[in-house]
Amino acid sequence: MAERKTWRRLFPASKYGPLTIEFGDEPLDYRVGPGKGKWVPPPGFTFVPHDTKAKIITIGTGCRIRPGATVFYGVKIGDRTKTGHNVFIREACVIGTDCLIGTGSIIENDVRIGNGTRIQSAVYLPTGTRIGNGVFIGPMTVFTNDRYMDYGKRDLKAPVVEDDVRIGANCTILPGVRLRKGCWIGAGSVVTKDTEPSWIYAGNPAVKLRKTSEVAL
């Protein structure tokens, strides 16, 4: 297996110390000026320093990060992943390959997103959320991790979404809920309990309706 090539751009960074951004070997044109290794950010693109040892942001080959995005230290973005405009990604997040992060989405710190996942516009993922591979999350969906709605209380239980789950628009996923492999969540649902694999759920609260295999696609 050939060794992966990367190149780095060091940004002298005022009181926060230096920030290094590591790119894949084939960065897209809007990120590269004349001569390989010179990075030109899109308008409004911000890298935010934070009190962490991981003062590096890793962006894979063939990524497209659109104007208005804000990315914190310690973020790793896999190859060919794309964002919409005004995306906000907090520190220590890991986003897989071939993903889409829709316009206006907010990803809080320490979130993990698997490969091939599609997150539509204005989705909110709180601290610690885990999203598997091949997941679809519809626009305006909100995940939550605080059972007691108390900012000062740190008993946070983030949701877990297993592989191949589909979530419709405007859903709410409550703290600690596990959406098991291949289940579907209908638009506008409020999911309060763990689901079973490959079942369809809908409603407020969401209830089990039928197997996904019963639906012709």
Protein backbone atom coordinates (compact mmCIF):
# COMPACT_ATOMS: atom_id res chain seq x y z
CA MET A 1 0.00 0.00 0.00
CA ALA A 2 1.45 3.35 -1.05
CA GLU A 3 2.27 5.81 1.71
CA ARG A 4 -0.26 8.60 1.95
CA LYS A 5 1.12 12.01 1.04
CA THR A 6 0.12 15.08 2.97
CA TRP A 7 1.26 18.63 3.15
CA ARG A 8 0.91 21.13 5.92
CA ARG A 9 0.41 24.84 6.24
CA LEU A 10 1.52 26.51 9.45
CA PHE A 11 -0.45 29.57 10.55
CA PRO A 12 1.33 31.77 13.08
CA ALA A 13 -1.46 32.30 15.55
CA SER A 14 -1.23 35.22 18.00
CA LYS A 15 -1.78 34.45 21.67
CA TYR A 16 -3.05 30.94 21.04
CA GLY A 17 0.15 29.61 19.54
CA PRO A 18 0.64 28.12 16.07
CA LEU A 19 -2.06 26.19 14.25
CA THR A 20 -1.17 23.56 11.68
CA ILE A 21 -3.62 22.49 9.00
CA GLU A 22 -2.88 19.20 7.27
CA PHE A 23 -4.34 18.52 3.83
CA GLY A 24 -4.59 15.50 1.61
CA ASP A 25 -2.41 15.25 -1.47
CA GLU A 26 -5.07 16.52 -3.91
CA PRO A 27 -6.67 19.64 -2.42
CA LEU A 28 -9.37 21.30 -4.49
CA ASP A 29 -8.59 24.44 -6.44
CA TYR A 30 -10.41 26.94 -4.23
CA ARG A 31 -8.18 25.94 -1.33
CA VAL A 32 -4.91 26.26 -3.20
CA GLY A 33 -3.22 29.34 -4.56
CA PRO A 34 -0.29 29.47 -7.00
CA GLY A 35 2.13 26.73 -6.03
CA LYS A 36 1.33 23.62 -4.05
CA GLY A 37 1.27 24.23 -0.34
CA LYS A 38 -0.17 27.73 -0.35
CA TRP A 39 -3.58 27.64 1.25
CA VAL A 40 -6.26 30.16 0.36
CA PRO A 41 -9.41 29.94 2.51
CA PRO A 42 -12.85 30.62 1.08
CA PRO A 43 -14.53 33.85 2.25
CA GLY A 44 -15.57 33.81 5.89
CA PHE A 45 -13.78 30.53 6.67
CA THR A 46 -12.52 30.50 10.26
CA PHE A 47 -10.21 28.21 12.18
CA VAL A 48 -10.79 28.64 15.91
CA PRO A 49 -8.04 27.96 18.45
CA HIS A 50 -8.92 26.23 21.69
CA ASP A 51 -7.19 25.14 24.88
CA THR A 52 -6.16 21.70 23.67
CA LYS A 53 -2.96 19.84 22.90
CA ALA A 54 -4.30 18.86 19.48
CA LYS A 55 -3.42 22.09 17.67
CA ILE A 56 -3.88 20.57 14.27
CA ILE A 57 -6.80 20.31 11.88
CA THR A 58 -6.70 17.48 9.35
CA ILE A 59 -8.59 17.80 6.06
CA GLY A 60 -8.53 14.84 3.67
CA THR A 61 -8.01 14.62 -0.06
CA GLY A 62 -10.72 16.07 -2.29
CA CYS A 63 -12.70 17.81 0.47
CA ARG A 64 -14.82 20.87 -0.16
CA ILE A 65 -15.40 23.21 2.76
CA ARG A 66 -17.64 26.07 1.73
CA PRO A 67 -17.59 29.72 2.82
CA GLY A 68 -18.65 30.64 6.34
CA ALA A 69 -17.53 27.38 7.93
CA THR A 70 -15.94 27.46 11.39
CA VAL A 71 -13.65 24.60 12.39
CA PHE A 72 -11.99 24.20 15.80
CA TYR A 73 -8.67 22.61 16.74
CA GLY A 74 -8.35 18.85 16.71
CA VAL A 75 -10.92 18.20 13.98
CA LYS A 76 -10.27 15.43 11.46
CA ILE A 77 -12.23 15.41 8.19
CA GLY A 78 -11.96 12.38 5.90
CA ASP A 79 -11.37 12.29 2.15
CA ARG A 80 -13.99 13.71 -0.24
CA THR A 81 -16.20 15.04 2.53
CA LYS A 82 -18.12 18.22 1.71
CA THR A 83 -19.82 20.88 3.78
CA GLY A 84 -22.46 23.45 3.01
CA HIS A 85 -22.13 27.10 4.02
CA ASN A 86 -21.88 28.32 7.62
CA VAL A 87 -21.18 24.91 9.13
CA PHE A 88 -19.87 24.94 12.72
CA ILE A 89 -17.61 22.07 13.84
CA ARG A 90 -16.27 22.08 17.40
CA GLU A 91 -12.99 20.65 18.69
CA ALA A 92 -11.97 16.97 18.56
CA CYS A 93 -14.65 15.89 16.09
CA VAL A 94 -13.88 13.10 13.64
CA ILE A 95 -15.82 13.02 10.35
CA GLY A 96 -15.38 10.09 7.98
CA THR A 97 -14.87 9.87 4.24
CA ASP A 98 -17.47 10.73 1.58
CA CYS A 99 -19.72 12.57 4.02
CA LEU A 100 -21.96 15.59 3.53
CA ILE A 101 -22.53 18.17 6.27
CA GLY A 102 -25.39 20.44 5.24
CA THR A 103 -25.55 24.22 5.41
CA GLY A 104 -25.99 25.68 8.88
CA SER A 105 -25.40 22.42 10.73
CA ILE A 106 -23.79 22.54 14.18
CA ILE A 107 -21.55 19.73 15.38
CA GLU A 108 -20.45 20.09 19.00
CA ASN A 109 -17.20 18.71 20.40
CA ASP A 110 -16.15 15.05 20.43
CA VAL A 111 -18.68 13.90 17.83
CA ARG A 112 -17.87 10.91 15.62
CA ILE A 113 -19.44 10.53 12.18
CA GLY A 114 -18.85 7.42 10.06
CA ASN A 115 -18.16 7.09 6.35
CA GLY A 116 -20.72 7.93 3.70
CA THR A 117 -23.11 9.70 6.05
CA ARG A 118 -25.38 12.48 4.74
CA ILE A 119 -26.38 15.23 7.15
CA GLN A 120 -28.80 17.73 5.67
CA SER A 121 -29.15 21.45 6.49
CA ALA A 122 -29.52 22.86 10.02
CA VAL A 123 -28.95 19.61 11.92
CA TYR A 124 -27.73 19.84 15.53
CA LEU A 125 -25.41 17.18 17.00
CA PRO A 126 -24.49 17.71 20.68
CA THR A 127 -21.30 16.73 22.48
CA GLY A 128 -20.45 13.04 22.35
CA THR A 129 -22.91 11.99 19.65
CA ARG A 130 -21.95 8.90 17.67
CA ILE A 131 -23.16 8.47 14.08
CA GLY A 132 -22.42 5.32 12.09
CA ASN A 133 -21.71 4.66 8.42
CA GLY A 134 -24.21 5.29 5.64
CA VAL A 135 -26.63 7.28 7.79
CA PHE A 136 -29.08 9.85 6.41
CA ILE A 137 -30.24 12.68 8.70
CA GLY A 138 -32.97 14.96 7.37
CA PRO A 139 -32.92 18.76 7.71
CA MET A 140 -33.72 20.52 10.98
CA THR A 141 -33.27 17.34 13.02
CA VAL A 142 -32.07 17.90 16.60
CA PHE A 143 -30.20 15.45 18.80
CA THR A 144 -30.03 16.12 22.55
CA ASN A 145 -27.72 14.90 25.33
CA ASP A 146 -28.98 16.57 28.53
CA ARG A 147 -31.76 14.74 30.39
CA TYR A 148 -32.30 17.53 32.90
CA MET A 149 -32.01 20.67 30.76
CA ASP A 150 -29.42 22.02 33.17
CA TYR A 151 -26.34 23.52 31.55
CA GLY A 152 -24.35 23.21 34.78
CA LYS A 153 -25.10 19.51 35.26
CA ARG A 154 -22.64 17.30 33.39
CA ASP A 155 -24.54 13.99 33.34
CA LEU A 156 -24.68 14.02 29.55
CA LYS A 157 -25.85 10.99 27.58
CA ALA A 158 -25.51 11.50 23.86
CA PRO A 159 -27.50 9.51 21.30
CA VAL A 160 -25.94 6.73 19.24
CA VAL A 161 -26.96 6.11 15.63
CA GLU A 162 -25.86 2.80 14.15
CA ASP A 163 -25.09 2.11 10.48
CA ASP A 164 -27.62 2.65 7.67
CA VAL A 165 -30.21 4.49 9.75
CA ARG A 166 -32.52 6.98 7.98
CA ILE A 167 -33.98 9.93 9.84
CA GLY A 168 -36.59 12.21 8.28
CA ALA A 169 -36.81 15.99 8.56
CA ASN A 170 -37.58 17.82 11.81
CA CYS A 171 -37.03 14.88 14.14
CA THR A 172 -35.94 15.11 17.77
CA ILE A 173 -33.72 12.40 19.26
CA LEU A 174 -33.67 12.45 23.06
CA PRO A 175 -30.60 11.85 25.29
CA GLY A 176 -29.10 8.38 25.42
CA VAL A 177 -31.32 6.92 22.69
CA ARG A 178 -29.77 4.28 20.43
CA LEU A 179 -31.10 4.05 16.88
CA ARG A 180 -30.19 0.53 15.83
CA LYS A 181 -28.88 -0.57 12.46
CA GLY A 182 -31.09 0.06 9.46
CA CYS A 183 -34.08 1.59 11.23
CA TRP A 184 -36.05 4.47 9.70
CA ILE A 185 -37.51 7.43 11.59
CA GLY A 186 -40.44 9.27 10.01
CA ALA A 187 -40.41 13.05 9.61
CA GLY A 188 -41.38 15.05 12.67
CA SER A 189 -40.91 12.16 15.09
CA VAL A 190 -39.75 12.45 18.70
CA VAL A 191 -37.67 9.39 19.59
CA THR A 192 -37.70 8.71 23.34
CA LYS A 193 -36.55 5.07 23.45
CA ASP A 194 -34.09 2.76 21.73
CA THR A 195 -35.25 1.32 18.43
CA GLU A 196 -34.99 -2.17 16.99
CA PRO A 197 -32.95 -2.89 13.85
CA SER A 198 -34.64 -2.47 10.46
CA TRP A 199 -37.98 -1.21 11.78
CA ILE A 200 -39.84 1.97 10.85
CA TYR A 201 -40.79 4.36 13.64
CA ALA A 202 -42.89 7.52 13.56
CA GLY A 203 -44.90 9.80 15.80
CA ASN A 204 -44.62 11.73 19.06
CA PRO A 205 -43.48 9.70 20.86
CA ALA A 206 -42.21 7.53 18.01
CA VAL A 207 -43.74 4.05 17.87
CA LYS A 208 -42.85 0.96 15.88
CA LEU A 209 -44.90 0.62 12.68
CA ARG A 210 -43.50 -2.01 10.33
CA LYS A 211 -40.35 -3.64 9.03
CA THR A 212 -38.35 -1.69 6.47
CA SER A 213 -38.42 -4.78 4.24
CA GLU A 214 -42.19 -4.29 3.83
CA VAL A 215 -41.67 -0.97 2.05
CA ALA A 216 -40.94 -0.97 -1.67
CA LEU A 217 -38.26 1.52 -2.69
